[in-house]
Protein backbone atom coordinates (compact mmCIF):
# COMPACT_ATOMS: atom_id res chain seq x y z
CA MET A 1 20.19 -14.00 -3.66
CA ASN A 2 19.62 -15.18 -0.19
CA ILE A 3 16.43 -15.36 1.66
CA SER A 4 16.28 -12.00 3.22
CA GLU A 5 16.88 -10.44 -0.10
CA GLY A 6 13.88 -12.27 -1.48
CA LYS A 7 11.73 -11.07 1.22
CA ASP A 8 12.73 -7.50 0.72
CA GLN A 9 11.80 -7.89 -2.92
CA GLU A 10 8.35 -9.21 -1.90
CA THR A 11 7.60 -6.41 0.37
CA ASN A 12 8.63 -4.12 -2.33
CA LEU A 13 6.10 -5.64 -4.52
CA LEU A 14 3.49 -4.79 -1.94
CA ARG A 15 4.62 -1.24 -1.76
CA ASP A 16 4.73 -0.97 -5.48
CA MET A 17 1.13 -2.27 -5.85
CA ILE A 18 -0.32 0.21 -3.45
CA ASP A 19 1.80 2.97 -5.51
CA PHE A 20 0.26 1.85 -8.80
CA MET A 21 -3.25 1.63 -7.43
CA ALA A 22 -3.09 5.12 -5.93
CA ARG A 23 -1.59 6.87 -8.88
CA ALA A 24 -4.31 5.39 -11.06
CA LEU A 25 -7.06 6.75 -8.61
CA VAL A 26 -5.77 10.39 -7.98
CA ASP A 27 -5.73 13.55 -10.06
CA TYR A 28 -2.22 14.46 -8.85
CA PRO A 29 -0.09 11.19 -9.12
CA GLU A 30 3.20 13.09 -8.66
CA ASN A 31 2.14 13.70 -4.98
CA VAL A 32 1.66 10.05 -4.38
CA GLU A 33 4.21 8.84 -1.47
CA VAL A 34 4.23 5.35 -0.28
CA LYS A 35 6.48 4.31 2.61
CA GLU A 36 6.98 1.01 4.30
CA LEU A 37 7.51 0.43 8.00
CA ALA A 38 8.78 -2.97 8.03
CA GLY A 39 8.52 -5.36 11.14
CA GLY A 40 9.20 -8.94 11.60
CA MET A 41 6.13 -10.47 10.25
CA THR A 42 4.29 -7.33 9.60
CA SER A 43 4.65 -4.41 7.28
CA ILE A 44 2.77 -1.06 7.54
CA ILE A 45 2.42 0.59 4.11
CA GLU A 46 1.68 4.28 4.52
CA LEU A 47 0.11 6.14 1.78
CA LYS A 48 0.16 9.87 1.50
CA VAL A 49 -1.62 11.63 -1.36
CA ALA A 50 -2.50 15.42 -2.10
CA LYS A 51 -5.27 16.86 0.19
CA THR A 52 -7.68 17.12 -2.69
CA ASP A 53 -7.01 13.34 -3.60
CA VAL A 54 -7.61 11.86 -0.16
CA GLY A 55 -11.39 11.35 -0.91
CA LYS A 56 -10.45 9.59 -4.18
CA VAL A 57 -8.27 7.04 -2.30
CA ILE A 58 -10.69 6.43 0.36
CA GLY A 59 -13.77 6.32 -1.57
CA ARG A 60 -17.54 6.63 -0.85
CA TYR A 61 -18.12 5.03 2.63
CA GLY A 62 -14.50 3.82 2.60
CA VAL A 63 -15.14 1.12 -0.07
CA THR A 64 -12.10 2.02 -2.18
CA ALA A 65 -9.69 2.08 0.81
CA ASP A 66 -11.16 -1.27 2.02
CA ALA A 67 -10.75 -2.84 -1.49
CA MET A 68 -7.07 -1.76 -1.40
CA ARG A 69 -6.54 -3.24 2.01
CA MET A 70 -8.05 -6.46 0.99
CA LEU A 71 -5.86 -6.74 -1.96
CA LEU A 72 -2.74 -5.88 0.10
CA SER A 73 -3.85 -8.44 2.74
CA SER A 74 -4.25 -11.02 -0.01
CA ALA A 75 -1.04 -10.32 -1.53
CA GLY A 76 0.61 -10.44 1.85
CA THR A 77 -0.84 -13.86 2.73
CA LYS A 78 0.85 -15.24 -0.48
CA ILE A 79 4.25 -14.19 0.86
CA ARG A 80 3.42 -15.06 4.39
CA LYS A 81 3.64 -11.55 5.70
CA ARG A 82 0.86 -9.40 7.18
CA ALA A 83 0.42 -6.09 5.55
CA VAL A 84 -1.61 -3.18 6.73
CA LEU A 85 -2.49 0.06 4.74
CA ASP A 86 -2.43 3.40 6.69
CA ILE A 87 -3.68 6.38 4.74
CA ILE A 88 -2.14 9.61 5.76
CA ASP A 89 -4.20 12.77 5.60
């Protein structure tokens, strides 16, 4: 395994982490889609859920979304990569 393969696995872990959290929160886990737009030092993780589940992922006053973003940011810091969560409605 070379260094770039290791980095790909690490960013896959970030995507999988968001996927796992979102599926645990929603009523329709089969509709959860997580995509990654990878850049040099920044990855944008796009989360798309069923329209009826958007509120569950965002949470009251955005608290759930903020918590997911904080966990993603913390995990990204560990692998020295900036990660941003974008929730698509």
